Amino acid sequence: MLLTPLQACIFDMDGVLLDSEPFWRQAEMEVFATVGLHLTEEDCMQTMGVRIDEVVALRHLQKPWSSPSCSEVADRIVERVAELIQTRGRPLEGVEEALEFLQEKGLSLALASSSSSRLIRTALETLELTSAFPVWHSAEHEEFGKPHPAVFLATARKLGVAPASCLVIEDSLNGVVAAFAAGMPVLAVPEPAVAQDPRFALAQAVLGSLRELPEAWERLVG
């Protein structure tokens, strides 16, 4: 049971609102292949939740290429993900019910994502969720992305709510670590392939889907 009353809920986007993590993996594998780096889905899953410029910098360190630049590679990945979101993006199971549940509890809603502002706008428009998230923040505006807590702390400031009063909903381990470092309680909704990672113990609960939110809420607030 939490000691501090909850006033807001901060959602991650990729893997929480829509099943876009496969889009990222597809885009990364396609674009990195053009510079001679052939990644597997498992390789891409290791950087889930990490800001794309940081992912590209890491891959360049592992196997440098001369051209195009890292920023161009990152831009191409973002463009491909945007295309996939627009053509195939759908809300994940339980999203609508979770938003209604939290609004009924009187919580302010916000979104904090490692994705760029452009992708956040694209996703919210595609899912018709723009009005549900009047407050959102991209880690592209921070010096460091997740697992650094900066994006969550900045979002709390935008909300005008203390970090300890913000519940976070995340799918990636990097996101859970970032929320934990921000001093925020966090619920994890990971992909089945990684759900057994013991490091998810940093979360208050691990859910199979957002449909389990009401039950988790009762355990959180008592």
C-alpha atoms as a PDB file:
ATOM      1  CA  MET A   1       0.000   0.000   0.000  1.00  0.00           C
ATOM      2  CA  LEU A   2       1.310   3.447  -0.926  1.00  0.00           C
ATOM      3  CA  LEU A   3       1.951   6.068   1.751  1.00  0.00           C
ATOM      4  CA  THR A   4       1.453   9.047  -0.580  1.00  0.00           C
ATOM      5  CA  PRO A   5      -1.961   9.595  -2.244  1.00  0.00           C
ATOM      6  CA  LEU A   6      -1.892   9.368  -6.029  1.00  0.00           C
ATOM      7  CA  GLN A   7      -2.846  12.469  -7.987  1.00  0.00           C
ATOM      8  CA  ALA A   8      -1.703  11.615 -11.511  1.00  0.00           C
ATOM      9  CA  CYS A   9      -0.845   8.736 -13.801  1.00  0.00           C
ATOM     10  CA  ILE A  10       1.962   8.980 -16.349  1.00  0.00           C
ATOM     11  CA  PHE A  11       1.769   6.514 -19.232  1.00  0.00           C
ATOM     12  CA  ASP A  12       4.609   5.362 -21.388  1.00  0.00           C
ATOM     13  CA  MET A  13       3.552   5.149 -25.039  1.00  0.00           C
ATOM     14  CA  ASP A  14       5.324   2.393 -26.970  1.00  0.00           C
ATOM     15  CA  GLY A  15       4.171  -0.973 -25.712  1.00  0.00           C
ATOM     16  CA  VAL A  16       1.619   0.542 -23.324  1.00  0.00           C
ATOM     17  CA  LEU A  17      -0.847   2.518 -25.440  1.00  0.00           C
ATOM     18  CA  LEU A  18      -0.095   0.685 -28.683  1.00  0.00           C
ATOM     19  CA  ASP A  19       1.879  -2.354 -29.698  1.00  0.00           C
ATOM     20  CA  SER A  20       4.577  -0.325 -31.405  1.00  0.00           C
ATOM     21  CA  GLU A  21       7.604  -2.136 -30.012  1.00  0.00           C
ATOM     22  CA  PRO A  22       7.460  -4.553 -32.985  1.00  0.00           C
ATOM     23  CA  PHE A  23       7.407  -1.489 -35.262  1.00  0.00           C
ATOM     24  CA  TRP A  24      10.606  -0.240 -33.649  1.00  0.00           C
ATOM     25  CA  ARG A  25      12.263  -3.622 -34.033  1.00  0.00           C
ATOM     26  CA  GLN A  26      11.225  -3.844 -37.686  1.00  0.00           C
ATOM     27  CA  ALA A  27      12.413  -0.308 -38.423  1.00  0.00           C
ATOM     28  CA  GLU A  28      15.725  -0.800 -36.628  1.00  0.00           C
ATOM     29  CA  MET A  29      16.446  -4.088 -38.384  1.00  0.00           C
ATOM     30  CA  GLU A  30      15.599  -2.582 -41.787  1.00  0.00           C
ATOM     31  CA  VAL A  31      17.546   0.651 -41.383  1.00  0.00           C
ATOM     32  CA  PHE A  32      20.596  -0.755 -39.597  1.00  0.00           C
ATOM     33  CA  ALA A  33      20.865  -3.400 -42.325  1.00  0.00           C
ATOM     34  CA  THR A  34      21.494  -0.575 -44.818  1.00  0.00           C
ATOM     35  CA  VAL A  35      24.693   0.312 -42.929  1.00  0.00           C
ATOM     36  CA  GLY A  36      25.842  -3.286 -42.620  1.00  0.00           C
ATOM     37  CA  LEU A  37      24.540  -4.028 -39.150  1.00  0.00           C
ATOM     38  CA  HIS A  38      22.227  -7.045 -39.175  1.00  0.00           C
ATOM     39  CA  LEU A  39      20.287  -7.194 -35.931  1.00  0.00           C
ATOM     40  CA  THR A  40      17.896  -9.806 -34.602  1.00  0.00           C
ATOM     41  CA  GLU A  41      14.661  -9.089 -32.751  1.00  0.00           C
ATOM     42  CA  GLU A  42      16.434 -10.201 -29.574  1.00  0.00           C
ATOM     43  CA  ASP A  43      19.164  -7.621 -30.190  1.00  0.00           C
ATOM     44  CA  CYS A  44      16.553  -4.894 -30.540  1.00  0.00           C
ATOM     45  CA  MET A  45      14.688  -5.958 -27.412  1.00  0.00           C
ATOM     46  CA  GLN A  46      17.806  -5.206 -25.354  1.00  0.00           C
ATOM     47  CA  THR A  47      17.354  -1.486 -26.045  1.00  0.00           C
ATOM     48  CA  MET A  48      13.570  -1.290 -25.547  1.00  0.00           C
ATOM     49  CA  GLY A  49      12.628   2.026 -23.973  1.00  0.00           C
ATOM     50  CA  VAL A  50      15.940   3.692 -24.858  1.00  0.00           C
ATOM     51  CA  ARG A  51      15.874   6.923 -26.860  1.00  0.00           C
ATOM     52  CA  ILE A  52      16.602   6.245 -30.532  1.00  0.00           C
ATOM     53  CA  ASP A  53      19.602   8.588 -30.812  1.00  0.00           C
ATOM     54  CA  GLU A  54      21.192   6.712 -27.912  1.00  0.00           C
ATOM     55  CA  VAL A  55      20.397   3.372 -29.562  1.00  0.00           C
ATOM     56  CA  VAL A  56      22.034   4.514 -32.806  1.00  0.00           C
ATOM     57  CA  ALA A  57      25.094   5.804 -30.936  1.00  0.00           C
ATOM     58  CA  LEU A  58      25.418   2.449 -29.179  1.00  0.00           C
ATOM     59  CA  ARG A  59      25.160   0.494 -32.436  1.00  0.00           C
ATOM     60  CA  HIS A  60      27.723   2.786 -34.065  1.00  0.00           C
ATOM     61  CA  LEU A  61      30.146   2.060 -31.243  1.00  0.00           C
ATOM     62  CA  GLN A  62      29.581  -1.665 -31.677  1.00  0.00           C
ATOM     63  CA  LYS A  63      30.114  -1.627 -35.448  1.00  0.00           C
ATOM     64  CA  PRO A  64      31.020   1.791 -36.870  1.00  0.00           C
ATOM     65  CA  TRP A  65      29.901   2.875 -40.338  1.00  0.00           C
ATOM     66  CA  SER A  66      31.124   5.879 -42.313  1.00  0.00           C
ATOM     67  CA  SER A  67      27.891   7.115 -43.904  1.00  0.00           C
ATOM     68  CA  PRO A  68      25.121   8.164 -43.383  1.00  0.00           C
ATOM     69  CA  SER A  69      25.519  10.035 -40.103  1.00  0.00           C
ATOM     70  CA  CYS A  70      24.066   8.729 -36.863  1.00  0.00           C
ATOM     71  CA  SER A  71      21.444  11.476 -36.881  1.00  0.00           C
ATOM     72  CA  GLU A  72      20.368  10.488 -40.399  1.00  0.00           C
ATOM     73  CA  VAL A  73      20.057   6.857 -39.368  1.00  0.00           C
ATOM     74  CA  ALA A  74      17.952   7.854 -36.353  1.00  0.00           C
ATOM     75  CA  ASP A  75      15.727  10.019 -38.563  1.00  0.00           C
ATOM     76  CA  ARG A  76      15.188   7.159 -41.006  1.00  0.00           C
ATOM     77  CA  ILE A  77      14.172   4.837 -38.189  1.00  0.00           C
ATOM     78  CA  VAL A  78      11.725   7.407 -36.827  1.00  0.00           C
ATOM     79  CA  GLU A  79      10.222   7.936 -40.287  1.00  0.00           C
ATOM     80  CA  ARG A  80       9.718   4.200 -40.725  1.00  0.00           C
ATOM     81  CA  VAL A  81       8.122   3.839 -37.294  1.00  0.00           C
ATOM     82  CA  ALA A  82       5.775   6.746 -38.077  1.00  0.00           C
ATOM     83  CA  GLU A  83       4.682   4.978 -41.282  1.00  0.00           C
ATOM     84  CA  LEU A  84       4.010   1.762 -39.391  1.00  0.00           C
ATOM     85  CA  ILE A  85       2.053   3.529 -36.662  1.00  0.00           C
ATOM     86  CA  GLN A  86      -0.130   5.327 -39.194  1.00  0.00           C
ATOM     87  CA  THR A  87      -0.877   2.160 -41.158  1.00  0.00           C
ATOM     88  CA  ARG A  88      -0.965  -0.493 -38.442  1.00  0.00           C
ATOM     89  CA  GLY A  89      -1.233   1.264 -35.085  1.00  0.00           C
ATOM     90  CA  ARG A  90      -4.070   0.065 -32.833  1.00  0.00           C
ATOM     91  CA  PRO A  91      -4.733   0.634 -29.115  1.00  0.00           C
ATOM     92  CA  LEU A  92      -3.576  -2.202 -26.900  1.00  0.00           C
ATOM     93  CA  GLU A  93      -6.005  -4.309 -24.926  1.00  0.00           C
ATOM     94  CA  GLY A  94      -7.548  -2.426 -22.021  1.00  0.00           C
ATOM     95  CA  VAL A  95      -6.318   1.068 -22.911  1.00  0.00           C
ATOM     96  CA  GLU A  96      -9.743   2.701 -23.132  1.00  0.00           C
ATOM     97  CA  GLU A  97     -10.953   1.025 -19.949  1.00  0.00           C
ATOM     98  CA  ALA A  98      -7.780   1.989 -18.063  1.00  0.00           C
ATOM     99  CA  LEU A  99      -8.094   5.643 -19.046  1.00  0.00           C
ATOM    100  CA  GLU A 100     -11.746   5.737 -17.985  1.00  0.00           C
ATOM    101  CA  PHE A 101     -10.923   4.012 -14.695  1.00  0.00           C
ATOM    102  CA  LEU A 102      -8.164   6.471 -13.797  1.00  0.00           C
ATOM    103  CA  GLN A 103     -10.237   9.486 -14.797  1.00  0.00           C
ATOM    104  CA  GLU A 104     -13.057   8.228 -12.580  1.00  0.00           C
ATOM    105  CA  LYS A 105     -10.540   8.056  -9.729  1.00  0.00           C
ATOM    106  CA  GLY A 106      -9.810  11.749 -10.319  1.00  0.00           C
ATOM    107  CA  LEU A 107      -6.251  11.339 -11.557  1.00  0.00           C
ATOM    108  CA  SER A 108      -4.659  13.698 -14.056  1.00  0.00           C
ATOM    109  CA  LEU A 109      -3.268  11.852 -17.071  1.00  0.00           C
ATOM    110  CA  ALA A 110       0.001  12.446 -18.876  1.00  0.00           C
ATOM    111  CA  LEU A 111       2.339  10.684 -21.258  1.00  0.00           C
ATOM    112  CA  ALA A 112       6.133  10.440 -21.028  1.00  0.00           C
ATOM    113  CA  SER A 113       7.941   8.706 -23.856  1.00  0.00           C
ATOM    114  CA  SER A 114      11.392   8.070 -25.255  1.00  0.00           C
ATOM    115  CA  SER A 115       9.846   8.604 -28.677  1.00  0.00           C
ATOM    116  CA  SER A 116      10.171  11.949 -30.437  1.00  0.00           C
ATOM    117  CA  SER A 117       7.478  14.610 -30.243  1.00  0.00           C
ATOM    118  CA  ARG A 118       6.619  13.839 -33.840  1.00  0.00           C
ATOM    119  CA  LEU A 119       5.945  10.178 -33.064  1.00  0.00           C
ATOM    120  CA  ILE A 120       3.953  11.046 -29.949  1.00  0.00           C
ATOM    121  CA  ARG A 121       1.681  13.313 -31.994  1.00  0.00           C
ATOM    122  CA  THR A 122       1.386  10.666 -34.719  1.00  0.00           C
ATOM    123  CA  ALA A 123       0.424   7.965 -32.228  1.00  0.00           C
ATOM    124  CA  LEU A 124      -2.061  10.064 -30.296  1.00  0.00           C
ATOM    125  CA  GLU A 125      -3.746  11.193 -33.517  1.00  0.00           C
ATOM    126  CA  THR A 126      -3.818   7.667 -34.957  1.00  0.00           C
ATOM    127  CA  LEU A 127      -5.295   6.231 -31.750  1.00  0.00           C
ATOM    128  CA  GLU A 128      -7.633   9.227 -31.327  1.00  0.00           C
ATOM    129  CA  LEU A 129      -6.241   9.839 -27.843  1.00  0.00           C
ATOM    130  CA  THR A 130      -5.059  13.433 -28.219  1.00  0.00           C
ATOM    131  CA  SER A 131      -7.717  14.781 -25.837  1.00  0.00           C
ATOM    132  CA  ALA A 132      -6.956  12.080 -23.259  1.00  0.00           C
ATOM    133  CA  PHE A 133      -3.387  13.352 -22.809  1.00  0.00           C
ATOM    134  CA  PRO A 134      -3.358  17.153 -22.557  1.00  0.00           C
ATOM    135  CA  VAL A 135       0.079  16.845 -20.944  1.00  0.00           C
ATOM    136  CA  TRP A 136       2.885  14.901 -22.600  1.00  0.00           C
ATOM    137  CA  HIS A 137       6.657  15.068 -22.755  1.00  0.00           C
ATOM    138  CA  SER A 138       9.330  13.543 -24.964  1.00  0.00           C
ATOM    139  CA  ALA A 139      12.729  12.476 -23.700  1.00  0.00           C
ATOM    140  CA  GLU A 140      14.205  14.088 -26.813  1.00  0.00           C
ATOM    141  CA  HIS A 141      14.079  17.336 -24.828  1.00  0.00           C
ATOM    142  CA  GLU A 142      16.183  15.902 -21.992  1.00  0.00           C
ATOM    143  CA  GLU A 143      19.944  15.452 -21.796  1.00  0.00           C
ATOM    144  CA  PHE A 144      19.462  11.777 -21.040  1.00  0.00           C
ATOM    145  CA  GLY A 145      16.721   9.331 -21.967  1.00  0.00           C
ATOM    146  CA  LYS A 146      15.399   6.370 -20.000  1.00  0.00           C
ATOM    147  CA  PRO A 147      16.589   4.671 -17.794  1.00  0.00           C
ATOM    148  CA  HIS A 148      17.462   8.163 -16.555  1.00  0.00           C
ATOM    149  CA  PRO A 149      14.433   9.606 -14.702  1.00  0.00           C
ATOM    150  CA  ALA A 150      14.533  13.053 -16.372  1.00  0.00           C
ATOM    151  CA  VAL A 151      11.530  12.540 -18.673  1.00  0.00           C
ATOM    152  CA  PHE A 152       9.306  11.464 -15.772  1.00  0.00           C
ATOM    153  CA  LEU A 153      10.450  14.282 -13.494  1.00  0.00           C
ATOM    154  CA  ALA A 154       9.832  16.841 -16.243  1.00  0.00           C
ATOM    155  CA  THR A 155       6.353  15.430 -16.829  1.00  0.00           C
ATOM    156  CA  ALA A 156       5.544  15.673 -13.123  1.00  0.00           C
ATOM    157  CA  ARG A 157       6.605  19.326 -13.200  1.00  0.00           C
ATOM    158  CA  LYS A 158       4.296  19.938 -16.155  1.00  0.00           C
ATOM    159  CA  LEU A 159       1.475  18.347 -14.187  1.00  0.00           C
ATOM    160  CA  GLY A 160       2.334  20.337 -11.055  1.00  0.00           C
ATOM    161  CA  VAL A 161       2.356  17.127  -9.041  1.00  0.00           C
ATOM    162  CA  ALA A 162       5.030  15.729  -6.719  1.00  0.00           C
ATOM    163  CA  PRO A 163       6.842  12.691  -8.183  1.00  0.00           C
ATOM    164  CA  ALA A 164       5.732  10.400  -5.359  1.00  0.00           C
ATOM    165  CA  SER A 165       2.103  11.195  -6.230  1.00  0.00           C
ATOM    166  CA  CYS A 166       2.529  10.075  -9.857  1.00  0.00           C
ATOM    167  CA  LEU A 167       1.781   6.489 -10.809  1.00  0.00           C
ATOM    168  CA  VAL A 168       3.711   5.329 -13.888  1.00  0.00           C
ATOM    169  CA  ILE A 169       2.624   2.614 -16.306  1.00  0.00           C
ATOM    170  CA  GLU A 170       5.525   1.144 -18.285  1.00  0.00           C
ATOM    171  CA  ASP A 171       6.274  -1.880 -20.420  1.00  0.00           C
ATOM    172  CA  SER A 172      10.072  -1.818 -20.643  1.00  0.00           C
ATOM    173  CA  LEU A 173      12.643  -2.517 -17.979  1.00  0.00           C
ATOM    174  CA  ASN A 174      14.429   0.730 -18.837  1.00  0.00           C
ATOM    175  CA  GLY A 175      11.176   2.596 -18.238  1.00  0.00           C
ATOM    176  CA  VAL A 176      10.563   0.837 -14.929  1.00  0.00           C
ATOM    177  CA  VAL A 177      14.090   1.720 -13.798  1.00  0.00           C
ATOM    178  CA  ALA A 178      13.520   5.358 -14.824  1.00  0.00           C
ATOM    179  CA  ALA A 179      10.253   5.574 -12.877  1.00  0.00           C
ATOM    180  CA  PHE A 180      11.842   3.935  -9.840  1.00  0.00           C
ATOM    181  CA  ALA A 181      14.746   6.395 -10.005  1.00  0.00           C
ATOM    182  CA  ALA A 182      12.224   9.257 -10.173  1.00  0.00           C
ATOM    183  CA  GLY A 183      10.687   8.067  -6.907  1.00  0.00           C
ATOM    184  CA  MET A 184       7.410   7.158  -8.604  1.00  0.00           C
ATOM    185  CA  PRO A 185       5.388   3.992  -8.029  1.00  0.00           C
ATOM    186  CA  VAL A 186       5.218   1.998 -11.237  1.00  0.00           C
ATOM    187  CA  LEU A 187       3.099  -0.758 -12.732  1.00  0.00           C
ATOM    188  CA  ALA A 188       4.797  -2.868 -15.397  1.00  0.00           C
ATOM    189  CA  VAL A 189       2.943  -4.307 -18.396  1.00  0.00           C
ATOM    190  CA  PRO A 190       5.819  -6.067 -20.170  1.00  0.00           C
ATOM    191  CA  GLU A 191       5.820  -8.172 -23.306  1.00  0.00           C
ATOM    192  CA  PRO A 192       5.458 -11.886 -22.437  1.00  0.00           C
ATOM    193  CA  ALA A 193       8.952 -12.582 -23.792  1.00  0.00           C
ATOM    194  CA  VAL A 194      10.568 -10.466 -21.061  1.00  0.00           C
ATOM    195  CA  ALA A 195       7.951 -10.563 -18.289  1.00  0.00           C
ATOM    196  CA  GLN A 196       9.922 -13.070 -16.198  1.00  0.00           C
ATOM    197  CA  ASP A 197      12.957 -10.807 -15.876  1.00  0.00           C
ATOM    198  CA  PRO A 198      13.525 -10.576 -12.101  1.00  0.00           C
ATOM    199  CA  ARG A 199      14.402  -6.892 -12.402  1.00  0.00           C
ATOM    200  CA  PHE A 200      10.712  -6.108 -12.892  1.00  0.00           C
ATOM    201  CA  ALA A 201      10.516  -6.568  -9.117  1.00  0.00           C
ATOM    202  CA  LEU A 202      11.237  -2.821  -8.982  1.00  0.00           C
ATOM    203  CA  ALA A 203       7.596  -2.350 -10.013  1.00  0.00           C
ATOM    204  CA  GLN A 204       4.721  -2.438  -7.541  1.00  0.00           C
ATOM    205  CA  ALA A 205       3.072  -5.075  -9.731  1.00  0.00           C
ATOM    206  CA  VAL A 206       3.545  -6.795 -13.083  1.00  0.00           C
ATOM    207  CA  LEU A 207       0.352  -6.959 -15.158  1.00  0.00           C
ATOM    208  CA  GLY A 208      -0.561  -9.175 -18.070  1.00  0.00           C
ATOM    209  CA  SER A 209      -2.532  -6.325 -19.633  1.00  0.00           C
ATOM    210  CA  LEU A 210      -4.138  -3.022 -18.675  1.00  0.00           C
ATOM    211  CA  ARG A 211      -7.366  -4.921 -17.993  1.00  0.00           C
ATOM    212  CA  GLU A 212      -5.752  -5.909 -14.685  1.00  0.00           C
ATOM    213  CA  LEU A 213      -5.375  -2.262 -13.620  1.00  0.00           C
ATOM    214  CA  PRO A 214      -8.442  -2.080 -11.299  1.00  0.00           C
ATOM    215  CA  GLU A 215      -7.227  -5.060  -9.278  1.00  0.00           C
ATOM    216  CA  ALA A 216      -3.693  -3.656  -9.080  1.00  0.00           C
ATOM    217  CA  TRP A 217      -5.122  -0.289  -8.041  1.00  0.00           C
ATOM    218  CA  GLU A 218      -6.906  -1.850  -5.067  1.00  0.00           C
ATOM    219  CA  ARG A 219      -3.659  -3.449  -3.929  1.00  0.00           C
ATOM    220  CA  LEU A 220      -1.839  -0.129  -4.305  1.00  0.00           C
ATOM    221  CA  VAL A 221      -4.232   2.152  -2.446  1.00  0.00           C
ATOM    222  CA  GLY A 222      -5.776  -0.399  -0.069  1.00  0.00           C
END
